[in-house]
Amino acid sequence: LGPRDLIDWLPYDEAQLQAMVADGKPVMIDFTASWCSTCQVNSLVAIETKKVAEALEKHGMVPMLADLSKPNPAITRKIQQ
């Protein structure tokens, strides 16, 4: 088991997210953290898969990774939203 790197994630950035949404681009955000075992399992079995990568590409979705491995107030605010 380990990173599959099937999806080319953009790091979470609120301004970039808002700009993409304003342009009508669909964005999928994966909220995760290295210390979150549930997040790691979800990534391996449900998110970082060939099927999801193909669906993202097919539908023109932008994958954005919100990594809370280290404290990040912007990501915390987004989760609270």
C-alpha atoms as a PDB file:
ATOM      1  CA  LEU A   1       0.000   0.000   0.000  1.00  0.00           C
ATOM      2  CA  GLY A   2       1.135   3.506  -0.598  1.00  0.00           C
ATOM      3  CA  PRO A   3       0.514   6.607  -2.670  1.00  0.00           C
ATOM      4  CA  ARG A   4      -0.868   5.815  -6.093  1.00  0.00           C
ATOM      5  CA  ASP A   5      -0.481   9.267  -7.612  1.00  0.00           C
ATOM      6  CA  LEU A   6      -3.339   8.635 -10.031  1.00  0.00           C
ATOM      7  CA  ILE A   7      -4.835  12.070  -9.429  1.00  0.00           C
ATOM      8  CA  ASP A   8      -2.919  15.319  -9.948  1.00  0.00           C
ATOM      9  CA  TRP A   9      -4.086  17.183  -6.845  1.00  0.00           C
ATOM     10  CA  LEU A  10      -3.885  20.941  -6.491  1.00  0.00           C
ATOM     11  CA  PRO A  11      -3.166  22.116  -2.947  1.00  0.00           C
ATOM     12  CA  TYR A  12      -6.190  23.720  -1.275  1.00  0.00           C
ATOM     13  CA  ASP A  13      -6.333  27.461  -1.804  1.00  0.00           C
ATOM     14  CA  GLU A  14      -9.560  29.327  -1.060  1.00  0.00           C
ATOM     15  CA  ALA A  15      -8.939  32.120  -3.579  1.00  0.00           C
ATOM     16  CA  GLN A  16      -8.153  29.608  -6.318  1.00  0.00           C
ATOM     17  CA  LEU A  17     -11.220  27.565  -5.368  1.00  0.00           C
ATOM     18  CA  GLN A  18     -13.496  30.610  -5.580  1.00  0.00           C
ATOM     19  CA  ALA A  19     -12.015  31.627  -8.942  1.00  0.00           C
ATOM     20  CA  MET A  20     -12.590  28.152 -10.387  1.00  0.00           C
ATOM     21  CA  VAL A  21     -16.158  28.023  -9.082  1.00  0.00           C
ATOM     22  CA  ALA A  22     -16.821  31.497 -10.513  1.00  0.00           C
ATOM     23  CA  ASP A  23     -15.575  30.186 -13.877  1.00  0.00           C
ATOM     24  CA  GLY A  24     -18.055  27.315 -13.633  1.00  0.00           C
ATOM     25  CA  LYS A  25     -15.437  24.631 -13.041  1.00  0.00           C
ATOM     26  CA  PRO A  26     -16.504  21.779 -10.762  1.00  0.00           C
ATOM     27  CA  VAL A  27     -14.030  21.142  -7.934  1.00  0.00           C
ATOM     28  CA  MET A  28     -13.681  18.024  -5.789  1.00  0.00           C
ATOM     29  CA  ILE A  29     -12.005  18.671  -2.455  1.00  0.00           C
ATOM     30  CA  ASP A  30     -10.454  15.823  -0.476  1.00  0.00           C
ATOM     31  CA  PHE A  31     -10.096  16.829   3.174  1.00  0.00           C
ATOM     32  CA  THR A  32      -7.370  14.634   4.631  1.00  0.00           C
ATOM     33  CA  ALA A  33      -4.479  14.379   7.086  1.00  0.00           C
ATOM     34  CA  SER A  34      -1.553  11.999   7.457  1.00  0.00           C
ATOM     35  CA  TRP A  35      -2.588  11.284  11.058  1.00  0.00           C
ATOM     36  CA  CYS A  36      -6.177  10.360  10.055  1.00  0.00           C
ATOM     37  CA  SER A  37      -6.339   6.606   9.525  1.00  0.00           C
ATOM     38  CA  THR A  38      -9.865   6.799   8.099  1.00  0.00           C
ATOM     39  CA  CYS A  39      -8.695   9.393   5.564  1.00  0.00           C
ATOM     40  CA  GLN A  40      -5.778   7.209   4.524  1.00  0.00           C
ATOM     41  CA  VAL A  41      -7.969   4.150   4.012  1.00  0.00           C
ATOM     42  CA  ASN A  42     -10.559   6.193   2.093  1.00  0.00           C
ATOM     43  CA  SER A  43      -7.824   7.509  -0.165  1.00  0.00           C
ATOM     44  CA  LEU A  44      -6.467   4.054  -0.933  1.00  0.00           C
ATOM     45  CA  VAL A  45      -9.733   2.233  -1.508  1.00  0.00           C
ATOM     46  CA  ALA A  46     -12.199   4.892  -2.653  1.00  0.00           C
ATOM     47  CA  ILE A  47     -10.568   8.096  -3.858  1.00  0.00           C
ATOM     48  CA  GLU A  48      -7.123   7.561  -5.377  1.00  0.00           C
ATOM     49  CA  THR A  49      -8.429   4.994  -7.855  1.00  0.00           C
ATOM     50  CA  LYS A  50      -8.346   4.683 -11.626  1.00  0.00           C
ATOM     51  CA  LYS A  51     -12.150   4.921 -11.761  1.00  0.00           C
ATOM     52  CA  VAL A  52     -12.221   8.229  -9.836  1.00  0.00           C
ATOM     53  CA  ALA A  53      -9.301   9.638 -11.849  1.00  0.00           C
ATOM     54  CA  GLU A  54     -11.137   8.798 -15.077  1.00  0.00           C
ATOM     55  CA  ALA A  55     -14.396  10.340 -13.783  1.00  0.00           C
ATOM     56  CA  LEU A  56     -12.607  13.549 -12.786  1.00  0.00           C
ATOM     57  CA  GLU A  57     -11.094  13.830 -16.243  1.00  0.00           C
ATOM     58  CA  LYS A  58     -14.317  12.906 -18.049  1.00  0.00           C
ATOM     59  CA  HIS A  59     -16.319  15.586 -16.231  1.00  0.00           C
ATOM     60  CA  GLY A  60     -13.582  18.255 -16.253  1.00  0.00           C
ATOM     61  CA  MET A  61     -13.419  18.331 -12.466  1.00  0.00           C
ATOM     62  CA  VAL A  62     -10.525  19.948 -10.639  1.00  0.00           C
ATOM     63  CA  PRO A  63      -9.157  17.825  -7.769  1.00  0.00           C
ATOM     64  CA  MET A  64      -8.047  19.868  -4.754  1.00  0.00           C
ATOM     65  CA  LEU A  65      -6.360  18.393  -1.675  1.00  0.00           C
ATOM     66  CA  ALA A  66      -7.036  20.046   1.686  1.00  0.00           C
ATOM     67  CA  ASP A  67      -4.298  18.521   3.843  1.00  0.00           C
ATOM     68  CA  LEU A  68      -4.616  19.069   7.584  1.00  0.00           C
ATOM     69  CA  SER A  69      -1.475  17.090   8.475  1.00  0.00           C
ATOM     70  CA  LYS A  70      -0.238  20.398   9.875  1.00  0.00           C
ATOM     71  CA  PRO A  71      -2.629  22.988  11.320  1.00  0.00           C
ATOM     72  CA  ASN A  72      -4.135  25.163   8.607  1.00  0.00           C
ATOM     73  CA  PRO A  73      -6.699  27.795   9.641  1.00  0.00           C
ATOM     74  CA  ALA A  74      -8.058  28.210   6.078  1.00  0.00           C
ATOM     75  CA  ILE A  75      -8.840  24.511   5.758  1.00  0.00           C
ATOM     76  CA  THR A  76     -10.324  24.425   9.249  1.00  0.00           C
ATOM     77  CA  ARG A  77     -12.644  27.326   8.314  1.00  0.00           C
ATOM     78  CA  LYS A  78     -13.693  25.504   5.153  1.00  0.00           C
ATOM     79  CA  ILE A  79     -14.550  22.365   7.102  1.00  0.00           C
ATOM     80  CA  GLN A  80     -16.632  24.438   9.525  1.00  0.00           C
ATOM     81  CA  GLN A  81     -18.551  25.924   6.608  1.00  0.00           C
END
